[in-house]
Protein backbone atom coordinates (compact mmCIF):
# COMPACT_ATOMS: atom_id res chain seq x y z
CA MET A 1 44.92 -5.42 -35.63
CA ALA A 2 47.07 -2.82 -33.84
CA GLN A 3 50.64 -3.69 -33.11
CA VAL A 4 50.93 -5.39 -29.55
CA ALA A 5 54.03 -5.36 -27.53
CA THR A 6 55.44 -8.59 -26.19
CA VAL A 7 54.90 -8.42 -22.31
CA PHE A 8 56.03 -11.99 -21.59
CA GLU A 9 59.22 -13.95 -21.81
CA VAL A 10 59.77 -16.13 -24.95
CA ASP A 11 61.93 -19.22 -25.49
CA GLN A 12 63.87 -18.47 -28.68
CA GLN A 13 64.40 -21.95 -29.58
CA ALA A 14 60.73 -22.63 -29.26
CA VAL A 15 59.95 -19.52 -31.50
CA GLN A 16 62.34 -20.62 -34.19
CA ARG A 17 60.72 -24.06 -34.27
CA GLU A 18 57.31 -22.59 -34.69
CA LEU A 19 58.26 -20.09 -37.20
CA ALA A 20 60.02 -22.85 -39.19
CA THR A 21 56.65 -24.60 -39.58
CA LEU A 22 55.56 -21.78 -41.92
CA VAL A 23 57.67 -23.40 -44.63
CA PHE A 24 54.65 -25.96 -44.94
CA SER A 25 51.93 -23.20 -44.75
CA ARG A 26 49.58 -22.98 -47.79
CA VAL A 27 47.70 -19.73 -46.98
CA LEU A 28 49.94 -16.90 -48.17
CA SER A 29 49.66 -13.08 -47.48
CA ASP A 30 51.88 -10.25 -48.33
CA ASN A 31 50.94 -8.39 -45.13
CA PRO A 32 53.25 -9.35 -42.18
CA MET A 33 50.53 -8.17 -39.62
CA THR A 34 48.49 -11.34 -40.59
CA MET A 35 51.45 -13.20 -39.10
CA VAL A 36 51.33 -11.12 -35.83
CA ARG A 37 47.71 -11.73 -35.60
CA ALA A 38 48.06 -15.62 -36.06
CA ALA A 39 50.72 -15.42 -33.42
CA HIS A 40 48.14 -13.94 -31.05
CA TRP A 41 45.69 -16.76 -31.89
CA HIS A 42 48.62 -19.28 -31.30
CA ASN A 43 49.26 -17.79 -27.83
CA LEU A 44 45.65 -17.77 -26.84
CA LEU A 45 45.39 -21.52 -27.80
CA ASP A 46 48.65 -22.33 -26.04
CA GLY A 47 46.94 -20.72 -22.86
CA LEU A 48 44.26 -23.42 -23.33
CA GLY A 49 46.54 -26.05 -23.37
CA LEU A 50 46.37 -26.48 -27.14
CA GLY A 51 49.81 -26.21 -28.48
CA LEU A 52 49.17 -26.24 -32.23
CA PRO A 53 51.76 -25.85 -34.88
CA TYR A 54 52.04 -22.22 -35.88
CA PHE A 55 51.41 -22.91 -39.52
CA LEU A 56 48.12 -24.70 -38.83
CA VAL A 57 46.82 -21.89 -36.61
CA HIS A 58 47.94 -19.29 -39.22
CA ASP A 59 46.32 -21.07 -42.11
CA LEU A 60 42.87 -21.77 -40.52
CA GLY A 61 42.78 -18.40 -38.91
CA LEU A 62 43.45 -16.58 -42.20
CA LEU A 63 40.64 -18.56 -43.89
CA LEU A 64 38.37 -17.37 -41.13
CA THR A 65 39.23 -13.72 -41.56
CA HIS A 66 39.73 -13.22 -45.25
CA PRO A 67 38.13 -14.50 -48.39
CA ILE A 68 40.54 -16.15 -50.77
CA GLY A 69 41.61 -13.91 -53.54
CA THR A 70 41.65 -10.72 -51.51
CA VAL A 71 44.29 -10.56 -48.80
CA ILE A 72 45.17 -14.32 -49.05
CA LYS A 73 45.68 -16.96 -51.50
CA VAL A 74 46.15 -20.81 -51.16
CA ALA A 75 49.49 -21.77 -52.68
CA ALA A 76 52.81 -23.28 -51.81
CA ARG A 77 55.71 -21.31 -50.27
CA GLU A 78 57.87 -22.31 -53.29
CA ARG A 79 60.93 -20.43 -52.29
CA SER A 80 60.99 -21.57 -48.64
CA LEU A 81 60.43 -25.15 -49.75
CA ARG A 82 63.26 -24.81 -52.19
CA ILE A 83 65.75 -23.31 -49.66
CA ALA A 84 64.77 -26.12 -47.14
CA SER A 85 65.27 -28.53 -49.78
CA ASP A 86 68.73 -27.20 -50.92
CA ARG A 87 69.83 -27.40 -47.32
CA GLY A 88 68.83 -31.08 -47.12
CA HIS A 89 66.16 -30.70 -44.46
CA VAL A 90 63.09 -31.16 -46.71
CA LYS A 91 62.78 -34.09 -49.21
CA LEU A 92 60.40 -33.15 -51.88
CA ASP A 93 59.58 -36.62 -52.99
CA ALA A 94 56.30 -37.88 -54.20
CA ALA A 95 55.04 -38.75 -50.62
CA GLN A 96 55.83 -35.27 -49.42
CA GLN A 97 54.00 -33.75 -52.37
CA ARG A 98 50.93 -35.84 -51.76
CA ARG A 99 50.91 -34.66 -48.20
CA LEU A 100 51.21 -31.07 -49.05
CA GLN A 101 48.52 -31.24 -51.95
CA GLY A 102 46.08 -33.27 -49.75
CA TYR A 103 46.59 -30.34 -47.02
CA SER A 104 46.01 -27.80 -49.76
CA ASP A 105 42.84 -29.62 -50.95
CA LEU A 106 41.60 -29.60 -47.18
CA LEU A 107 42.04 -25.95 -46.83
CA VAL A 108 40.27 -25.16 -50.20
CA ASP A 109 37.43 -27.27 -49.01
CA LEU A 110 37.09 -25.59 -45.64
CA ALA A 111 37.15 -22.21 -47.42
CA ARG A 112 34.25 -23.11 -49.33
CA SER A 113 32.13 -23.70 -46.35
CA GLU A 114 29.38 -21.38 -45.11
CA LEU A 115 31.23 -20.76 -41.70
CA CYS A 116 34.29 -19.49 -43.42
CA GLN A 117 32.40 -17.35 -45.81
CA LYS A 118 30.43 -15.76 -43.15
CA ALA A 119 33.26 -15.39 -40.75
CA SER A 120 35.63 -13.77 -43.27
CA SER A 121 32.89 -11.20 -44.00
CA SER A 122 32.70 -10.35 -40.42
CA ASN A 123 35.11 -8.92 -37.87
CA LEU A 124 35.35 -11.77 -35.33
CA PRO A 125 37.27 -10.82 -32.19
CA ASP A 126 40.62 -12.97 -31.75
CA GLU A 127 39.30 -14.86 -28.69
CA LEU A 128 36.43 -16.11 -30.65
CA LEU A 129 38.44 -17.03 -33.71
CA ALA A 130 40.88 -18.93 -31.34
CA ALA A 131 37.81 -20.94 -29.99
CA VAL A 132 36.67 -21.62 -33.57
CA ILE A 133 40.01 -23.01 -34.55
CA ALA A 134 40.07 -25.19 -31.53
CA LYS A 135 36.76 -26.56 -32.46
CA VAL A 136 37.60 -27.22 -36.01
CA ILE A 137 40.68 -29.31 -35.16
CA GLU A 138 38.82 -31.08 -32.24
CA PRO A 139 38.85 -34.47 -34.07
CA VAL A 140 42.77 -34.42 -34.27
CA GLN A 141 43.54 -32.67 -31.16
CA GLN A 142 45.23 -35.68 -29.50
CA SER A 143 47.51 -36.13 -32.55
CA VAL A 144 48.56 -32.67 -33.29
CA VAL A 145 48.61 -30.93 -29.93
CA LYS A 146 52.26 -30.55 -28.75
CA LYS A 147 53.25 -30.87 -25.17
CA GLY A 148 55.44 -28.52 -23.41
CA HIS A 149 55.60 -25.06 -21.76
CA ASN A 150 56.33 -21.55 -23.04
CA ARG A 151 55.52 -21.97 -26.67
CA LYS A 152 54.42 -18.27 -26.78
CA LEU A 153 55.41 -16.25 -29.94
CA PRO A 154 56.41 -12.64 -29.89
CA LEU A 155 53.74 -10.07 -31.02
CA THR A 156 56.30 -7.66 -32.58
CA LEU A 157 56.10 -6.76 -36.17
CA PRO A 158 59.88 -6.78 -36.74
CA THR A 159 59.87 -10.57 -35.99
CA TYR A 160 57.80 -11.23 -39.02
CA GLN A 161 58.78 -8.69 -41.50
CA ASP A 162 61.06 -10.11 -44.23
CA LEU A 163 60.85 -13.45 -42.40
CA GLU A 164 62.39 -16.58 -44.16
CA PRO A 165 61.05 -19.63 -42.12
CA ALA A 166 63.50 -21.89 -44.16
CA HIS A 167 66.39 -20.58 -42.15
CA HIS A 168 64.92 -22.15 -38.94
CA VAL A 169 64.10 -25.60 -40.38
CA ASN A 170 65.63 -28.76 -39.21
CA SER A 171 64.85 -32.47 -39.39
CA ALA A 172 63.07 -32.51 -36.11
CA VAL A 173 60.67 -29.82 -37.41
CA VAL A 174 60.00 -31.58 -40.74
CA GLU A 175 59.33 -34.95 -39.02
CA GLU A 176 56.86 -33.28 -36.54
CA VAL A 177 55.07 -31.26 -39.37
CA ASN A 178 54.70 -34.32 -41.76
CA GLY A 179 53.08 -36.26 -38.86
CA VAL A 180 50.70 -33.46 -38.54
CA LEU A 181 49.90 -33.14 -42.31
CA ALA A 182 49.42 -36.95 -42.46
CA THR A 183 46.96 -36.73 -39.70
CA LEU A 184 44.91 -33.87 -41.15
CA VAL A 185 44.82 -35.51 -44.61
CA GLU A 186 43.63 -38.88 -43.17
CA ALA A 187 41.00 -36.98 -41.07
CA ARG A 188 39.85 -34.61 -43.63
CA THR A 189 36.12 -35.63 -43.59
CA ARG A 190 36.09 -35.53 -39.75
CA VAL A 191 37.65 -32.01 -39.71
CA ARG A 192 35.18 -30.76 -42.39
CA VAL A 193 32.40 -32.20 -40.18
CA SER A 194 33.72 -30.49 -37.14
CA LEU A 195 33.66 -27.12 -38.99
CA GLU A 196 30.14 -27.68 -40.14
CA GLN A 197 29.22 -28.31 -36.42
CA VAL A 198 30.13 -24.64 -35.32
CA ASP A 199 26.59 -23.20 -35.06
CA LEU A 200 26.23 -20.03 -36.91
CA ASP A 201 23.60 -18.80 -34.60
CA THR A 202 25.84 -19.21 -31.69
CA LEU A 203 28.62 -17.52 -33.46
CA LYS A 204 26.35 -14.69 -34.26
CA LEU A 205 25.29 -14.19 -30.80
CA LEU A 206 28.86 -14.15 -29.38
CA GLU A 207 29.83 -11.75 -32.21
CA MET A 208 26.97 -9.34 -31.11
CA PHE A 209 28.80 -8.88 -27.86
CA LYS A 210 32.33 -8.61 -29.08
CA GLY A 211 32.65 -4.97 -28.43
CA GLU A 212 30.75 -5.17 -25.03
CA GLY A 213 33.10 -7.08 -22.91
CA GLY A 214 30.96 -10.18 -23.48
CA LEU A 215 34.10 -12.17 -24.39
CA GLY A 216 37.21 -12.41 -22.31
CA SER A 217 40.80 -13.23 -22.88
CA ASP A 218 41.66 -15.17 -19.85
CA GLY A 219 41.79 -18.89 -19.84
CA ALA A 220 38.41 -19.49 -18.13
CA ASP A 221 36.75 -17.20 -20.66
CA LEU A 222 38.33 -18.89 -23.62
CA LEU A 223 37.31 -22.29 -22.27
CA ASP A 224 33.69 -21.02 -21.94
CA LEU A 225 33.91 -19.91 -25.60
CA TYR A 226 35.08 -23.26 -26.71
CA ARG A 227 32.48 -25.01 -24.80
CA ALA A 228 29.67 -22.70 -26.23
CA LEU A 229 30.76 -23.66 -29.82
CA ALA A 230 31.28 -27.37 -28.85
CA THR A 231 28.12 -27.91 -26.78
CA PRO A 232 24.83 -28.65 -28.79
CA ALA A 233 22.62 -27.42 -25.93
CA ALA A 234 24.33 -23.96 -26.06
CA HIS A 235 23.31 -23.77 -29.72
CA ASP A 236 19.60 -23.98 -28.80
CA ILE A 237 19.95 -21.41 -26.17
CA ALA A 238 21.87 -18.95 -28.68
CA ASN A 239 19.00 -19.29 -31.23
CA PHE A 240 16.39 -18.62 -28.65
CA SER A 241 18.43 -15.66 -27.27
CA LEU A 242 18.62 -14.24 -30.89
CA ASP A 243 14.76 -14.28 -31.11
CA LEU A 244 14.68 -12.16 -27.78
CA ILE A 245 17.49 -9.85 -28.00
CA PRO A 246 16.33 -7.55 -30.84
CA SER A 247 13.18 -6.66 -28.70
CA VAL A 248 15.31 -5.25 -25.94
CA LEU A 249 17.98 -3.52 -27.89
CA GLU A 250 15.90 -0.26 -27.97
CA THR A 251 15.85 -0.06 -24.27
CA LYS A 252 17.12 3.24 -23.12
CA LYS A 253 18.37 4.60 -19.67
CA SER A 254 15.72 6.98 -18.21
CA SER A 255 16.42 10.58 -18.90
CA GLY A 256 17.24 12.90 -16.00
CA VAL A 257 15.48 15.92 -17.22
CA GLN A 258 12.76 17.91 -15.81
CA THR A 259 10.92 21.20 -16.58
CA PHE A 260 10.43 22.89 -13.24
CA SER A 261 12.99 25.40 -12.17
CA ILE A 262 15.69 23.97 -9.97
CA ASP A 263 19.24 22.90 -10.72
CA GLY A 264 20.90 23.62 -14.05
CA TYR A 265 20.00 23.38 -17.75
CA ALA A 266 20.10 20.01 -19.34
CA SER A 267 18.33 20.23 -22.71
CA ILE A 268 15.91 22.13 -24.93
CA GLU A 269 12.25 20.95 -24.66
CA THR A 270 8.84 21.85 -26.16
CA GLN A 271 7.14 22.00 -22.81
CA GLY A 272 7.99 24.01 -19.73
CA ASN A 273 7.12 27.17 -17.80
CA LEU A 274 7.50 30.84 -19.17
CA ASP A 275 10.46 31.57 -16.89
CA SER A 276 12.37 28.80 -18.92
CA LEU A 277 11.36 30.16 -22.29
CA LEU A 278 14.33 30.59 -24.73
CA PRO A 279 14.99 34.45 -25.05
CA SER A 280 14.88 33.99 -28.97
CA GLU A 281 11.14 33.07 -28.83
CA LEU A 282 10.38 36.59 -27.60
CA ALA A 283 11.57 37.95 -31.02
CA PHE A 284 8.35 36.76 -32.75
CA ASP A 285 5.48 39.10 -33.21
CA ASP A 286 2.43 38.69 -30.86
CA ASP A 287 0.27 36.79 -33.40
CA LEU A 288 2.87 34.22 -34.33
CA PHE A 289 4.02 33.93 -30.68
CA ASP A 290 0.37 33.11 -29.69
CA ARG A 291 0.08 30.73 -32.50
CA ARG A 292 3.30 28.92 -31.55
CA PHE A 293 2.22 28.85 -27.85
CA ALA A 294 -1.15 27.19 -28.79
CA ASN A 295 0.55 24.44 -30.95
CA ASN A 296 3.30 23.65 -28.52
CA GLU A 297 6.04 24.89 -30.82
CA LEU A 298 7.76 27.15 -28.32
CA PHE A 299 11.27 26.00 -26.83
CA TYR A 300 12.07 25.91 -23.30
CA TYR A 301 15.08 25.05 -21.34
CA GLY A 302 15.08 21.59 -19.62
CA ARG A 303 16.52 21.48 -16.23
CA GLU A 304 18.86 18.94 -14.71
CA LYS A 305 16.97 16.62 -12.43
CA GLN A 306 18.26 15.61 -9.16
CA ASP A 307 18.09 11.72 -8.74
CA THR A 308 16.63 11.02 -5.40
CA GLN A 309 15.93 7.45 -6.12
CA LYS A 310 18.05 4.61 -4.69
CA GLU A 311 20.27 2.70 -7.05
CA ARG A 312 18.59 -0.32 -8.33
CA LEU A 313 20.00 -3.81 -8.23
CA HIS A 314 18.47 -6.45 -10.45
CA TYR A 315 19.21 -10.12 -9.11
CA ILE A 316 18.74 -12.87 -11.52
CA LEU A 317 18.91 -16.52 -10.19
CA VAL A 318 18.82 -19.37 -12.63
CA ASP A 319 18.05 -23.03 -11.96
CA ALA A 320 20.75 -25.15 -13.35
CA SER A 321 19.69 -28.51 -11.54
CA ALA A 322 18.77 -31.67 -13.36
CA SER A 323 15.11 -30.66 -13.22
CA MET A 324 15.87 -27.82 -15.75
CA ARG A 325 17.19 -29.81 -18.68
CA GLY A 326 16.22 -29.59 -22.31
CA LEU A 327 13.78 -26.80 -23.30
CA ARG A 328 13.53 -25.58 -19.79
CA THR A 329 17.15 -24.86 -19.82
CA VAL A 330 16.76 -23.08 -23.28
CA PHE A 331 13.93 -20.98 -22.06
CA ALA A 332 15.43 -20.17 -18.66
CA ARG A 333 18.93 -19.03 -20.03
CA GLY A 334 17.75 -17.30 -22.99
CA LEU A 335 15.34 -15.25 -20.87
CA ALA A 336 17.90 -14.58 -18.36
CA LEU A 337 20.36 -13.30 -20.93
CA ALA A 338 17.77 -11.05 -22.66
CA LEU A 339 16.49 -9.79 -19.23
CA ALA A 340 20.29 -9.04 -18.21
CA LYS A 341 20.64 -7.22 -21.36
CA LYS A 342 17.52 -5.08 -20.97
CA MET A 343 18.45 -4.18 -17.49
CA THR A 344 22.01 -3.18 -18.20
CA LEU A 345 20.76 -1.03 -21.17
CA ARG A 346 18.60 0.82 -18.73
CA GLY A 347 21.79 1.40 -16.44
CA GLU A 348 20.89 -0.94 -13.70
CA GLU A 349 23.25 -2.96 -11.88
CA VAL A 350 22.63 -6.82 -12.69
CA TRP A 351 23.88 -9.73 -10.70
CA LEU A 352 23.30 -13.23 -11.88
CA ARG A 353 23.92 -16.67 -10.18
CA PHE A 354 23.20 -20.17 -11.17
CA PHE A 355 21.90 -22.51 -8.49
CA ASP A 356 21.14 -26.08 -7.74
CA SER A 357 21.73 -27.41 -4.22
CA ARG A 358 23.84 -24.16 -3.51
CA LEU A 359 24.36 -20.72 -5.05
CA TYR A 360 27.36 -20.50 -7.56
CA GLU A 361 29.66 -17.83 -8.10
CA ARG A 362 27.97 -14.26 -8.52
CA GLN A 363 28.46 -12.71 -11.91
CA GLU A 364 28.29 -8.99 -11.93
CA LEU A 365 26.99 -8.05 -15.19
CA SER A 366 26.98 -4.63 -17.03
CA SER A 367 26.69 -3.37 -20.50
CA SER A 368 30.49 -3.65 -20.72
CA LYS A 369 30.56 -7.21 -19.21
CA LEU A 370 27.81 -9.84 -20.02
CA ARG A 371 29.76 -13.23 -19.76
CA VAL A 372 27.65 -14.65 -22.62
CA PRO A 373 29.74 -17.89 -23.01
CA TYR A 374 29.55 -18.51 -19.34
CA LEU A 375 25.68 -18.27 -19.50
CA LEU A 376 25.36 -20.59 -22.52
CA CYS A 377 27.50 -23.48 -21.14
CA PHE A 378 27.33 -23.43 -17.42
CA ARG A 379 26.62 -27.05 -16.08
CA SER A 380 26.17 -28.31 -12.43
CA GLU A 381 25.43 -31.74 -11.15
CA ARG A 382 24.93 -31.23 -7.40
CA GLY A 383 21.34 -32.07 -6.99
CA ARG A 384 18.71 -29.75 -5.43
CA ASN A 385 18.39 -27.90 -2.20
CA THR A 386 16.22 -24.67 -2.43
CA SER A 387 16.01 -24.12 1.25
CA ARG A 388 19.82 -23.77 1.53
CA VAL A 389 19.94 -21.58 -1.86
CA PHE A 390 17.15 -19.13 -0.63
CA SER A 391 18.64 -19.07 2.91
CA GLU A 392 22.01 -18.05 1.29
CA LEU A 393 20.22 -15.39 -0.72
CA GLU A 394 18.55 -13.99 2.26
CA ARG A 395 21.75 -13.58 4.20
CA GLU A 396 23.33 -11.88 1.19
CA LEU A 397 20.58 -9.41 0.79
CA SER A 398 20.70 -8.78 4.47
CA ARG A 399 24.33 -7.89 4.19
CA GLN A 400 23.58 -5.76 1.16
CA MET A 401 21.07 -3.82 2.93
CA ARG A 402 23.56 -3.09 5.72
CA GLU A 403 26.69 -2.18 3.50
CA ASP A 404 25.20 -0.56 0.49
CA PRO A 405 21.23 -0.01 0.55
CA LYS A 406 19.69 -0.39 -2.73
CA GLU A 407 16.24 -1.09 -4.39
CA VAL A 408 16.63 -4.78 -5.25
CA VAL A 409 14.66 -6.79 -7.51
CA VAL A 410 14.92 -10.61 -7.56
CA THR A 411 13.97 -12.71 -10.44
CA PHE A 412 14.37 -16.33 -10.07
CA ILE A 413 13.87 -18.88 -13.12
CA THR A 414 13.11 -22.39 -11.88
CA HIS A 415 10.96 -25.59 -12.16
CA GLY A 416 7.34 -25.84 -10.87
CA ARG A 417 8.31 -27.70 -7.67
CA CYS A 418 10.55 -25.09 -5.91
CA GLN A 419 9.52 -25.18 -2.40
CA ILE A 420 10.36 -22.13 -0.29
CA ASP A 421 9.70 -21.86 3.49
CA SER A 422 6.91 -19.13 4.18
CA ARG A 423 8.99 -17.32 6.85
CA LEU A 424 11.92 -17.29 4.53
CA LEU A 425 9.90 -15.87 1.84
CA GLU A 426 8.46 -13.17 4.14
CA SER A 427 11.99 -12.21 5.02
CA LEU A 428 13.09 -12.09 1.51
CA LYS A 429 10.09 -10.03 0.53
CA SER A 430 10.90 -7.59 3.23
CA LYS A 431 14.33 -6.82 1.39
CA ALA A 432 13.46 -7.12 -2.30
CA SER A 433 10.84 -7.34 -4.84
CA LEU A 434 10.23 -10.98 -5.83
CA CYS A 435 9.39 -12.25 -9.30
CA GLY A 436 9.16 -16.03 -10.10
CA VAL A 437 9.32 -17.66 -13.45
CA PHE A 438 8.21 -21.30 -13.10
CA VAL A 439 9.00 -23.52 -16.23
CA THR A 440 6.89 -26.66 -15.55
CA THR A 441 6.46 -30.25 -16.46
CA GLY A 442 2.79 -30.22 -15.82
CA THR A 443 0.05 -28.01 -16.38
CA GLU A 444 -0.38 -26.73 -12.70
CA VAL A 445 2.04 -25.25 -10.30
CA GLN A 446 0.94 -26.20 -6.73
CA LEU A 447 3.03 -23.78 -4.58
CA ASP A 448 1.53 -22.06 -1.61
CA TYR A 449 3.64 -18.93 -1.92
CA LEU A 450 2.67 -17.83 -5.54
CA ASP A 451 0.32 -15.09 -4.36
CA LYS A 452 2.81 -13.65 -2.15
CA LEU A 453 5.26 -12.77 -4.87
CA ASN A 454 5.13 -9.45 -6.47
CA GLN A 455 5.07 -11.07 -9.92
CA HIS A 456 4.93 -14.70 -11.25
CA TYR A 457 4.77 -16.40 -14.51
CA VAL A 458 4.04 -20.07 -15.23
CA VAL A 459 5.38 -21.42 -18.52
CA ALA A 460 3.48 -24.69 -19.40
CA PRO A 461 4.97 -27.57 -21.39
CA ASP A 462 2.76 -26.75 -24.48
CA ILE A 463 4.38 -23.42 -24.65
CA LEU A 464 7.77 -24.70 -24.47
CA ALA A 465 7.07 -27.10 -27.19
CA ASP A 466 6.01 -24.50 -29.76
CA LYS A 467 8.77 -22.22 -30.96
CA SER A 468 6.33 -19.29 -31.59
CA SER A 469 4.51 -19.69 -28.23
CA ARG A 470 7.85 -19.90 -26.31
CA LYS A 471 9.06 -16.58 -27.82
CA SER A 472 5.86 -14.83 -27.33
CA GLU A 473 5.69 -15.94 -23.60
CA ALA A 474 9.43 -14.74 -23.09
CA LEU A 475 8.66 -11.43 -24.75
CA LYS A 476 5.61 -10.83 -22.53
CA ILE A 477 7.65 -11.51 -19.44
CA LEU A 478 10.48 -9.11 -20.70
CA GLU A 479 7.83 -6.43 -21.44
CA ARG A 480 6.42 -6.63 -17.85
CA GLN A 481 9.83 -6.43 -16.13
CA ALA A 482 9.68 -2.63 -15.08
């Protein structure tokens, strides 16, 4: 992690209290940059309202980023404990030793988990690590989270170089940390279970988008990350998405190259007109030139192509009403994520909105911003009103045509009873190409407007119930989305 300048005000007394807790840390590293990074995790969690002791964030975070025996080791800070004891702040009696040993045993137990082993071999972004830490301590949050404001720690390396935390220890810090240690030791099994509940498929999906702006650092994005890790339904969506994403990763933006003679040169091609032939090809003797020409082995200049097509906007609407629970939600959101990924890779603009009785906030997606946690864990409980939803959509498309005309493709993913007024549908169709994906509860969809859509797909319950069929159906839809 690069050194990050502190751009916020810090409370020096609060900083000293947090640094003092490192006396009780049991994960040690000789690199002070690990403390800087741990301070960043601490600040991220503080922004979520989870004021965790710095030593706990430090220890859990390092277990998730480094295998034991490499950069880190599990051991006591003997020197710091001795200094704190000599000053009369820490009483190293049998009860204290039991608490510290119980905490060490918990850390070793967590380090052996599949999550820690896989996470430490990856390079998880700090925001995702903070969310994982929040999930791991979920069973004891009420007991270990501290109330208050401005607990942020500085992110400057000099703060942590040659740090001796025992110099900041006082009786209040010791009492507070002992309470946290006792809680953790008592809840050891629950903490381990909470760690095991972190779904590795969800973690893998979130990590796939770490360099693409799919994860954010503001409070709302961090909260979505935490919810994605803590919500079982999000795990099923992530698992399904991982089945689909590889099929769209080879999608390429269409090339702007042509072989006829206008505009400038763009590339070297094996097809073209003689006036675009590379001069070096004329150096061959006549027989060899004729043979290369017959075998399409000659090289020509390719020309830049003037793009005369309108920009394309792909609008994805996902039904989030109560009719789309269970496997219907899994299919709809997994398909929406894969479709958004495919279109952004093609260089198209993508808007996504959830709806129930109304349209929710528009998410403008791109290859640099996919808002994956938001897509995984969005929830709504506002009933259904498709007339209102598609009327709002029609007004927005009308405004879009006036202000910034584009070729618009609308894909809506909903249940099999989504009624749309015929006149409203005609108005929508005059402004955009319409594709409907109907995830049904029965074998038939009785909607009088199906034939009026440019494309439509019906996903029956038996397809949803079978994992292989579900994947095949989604891939078929993705393949046909031009």
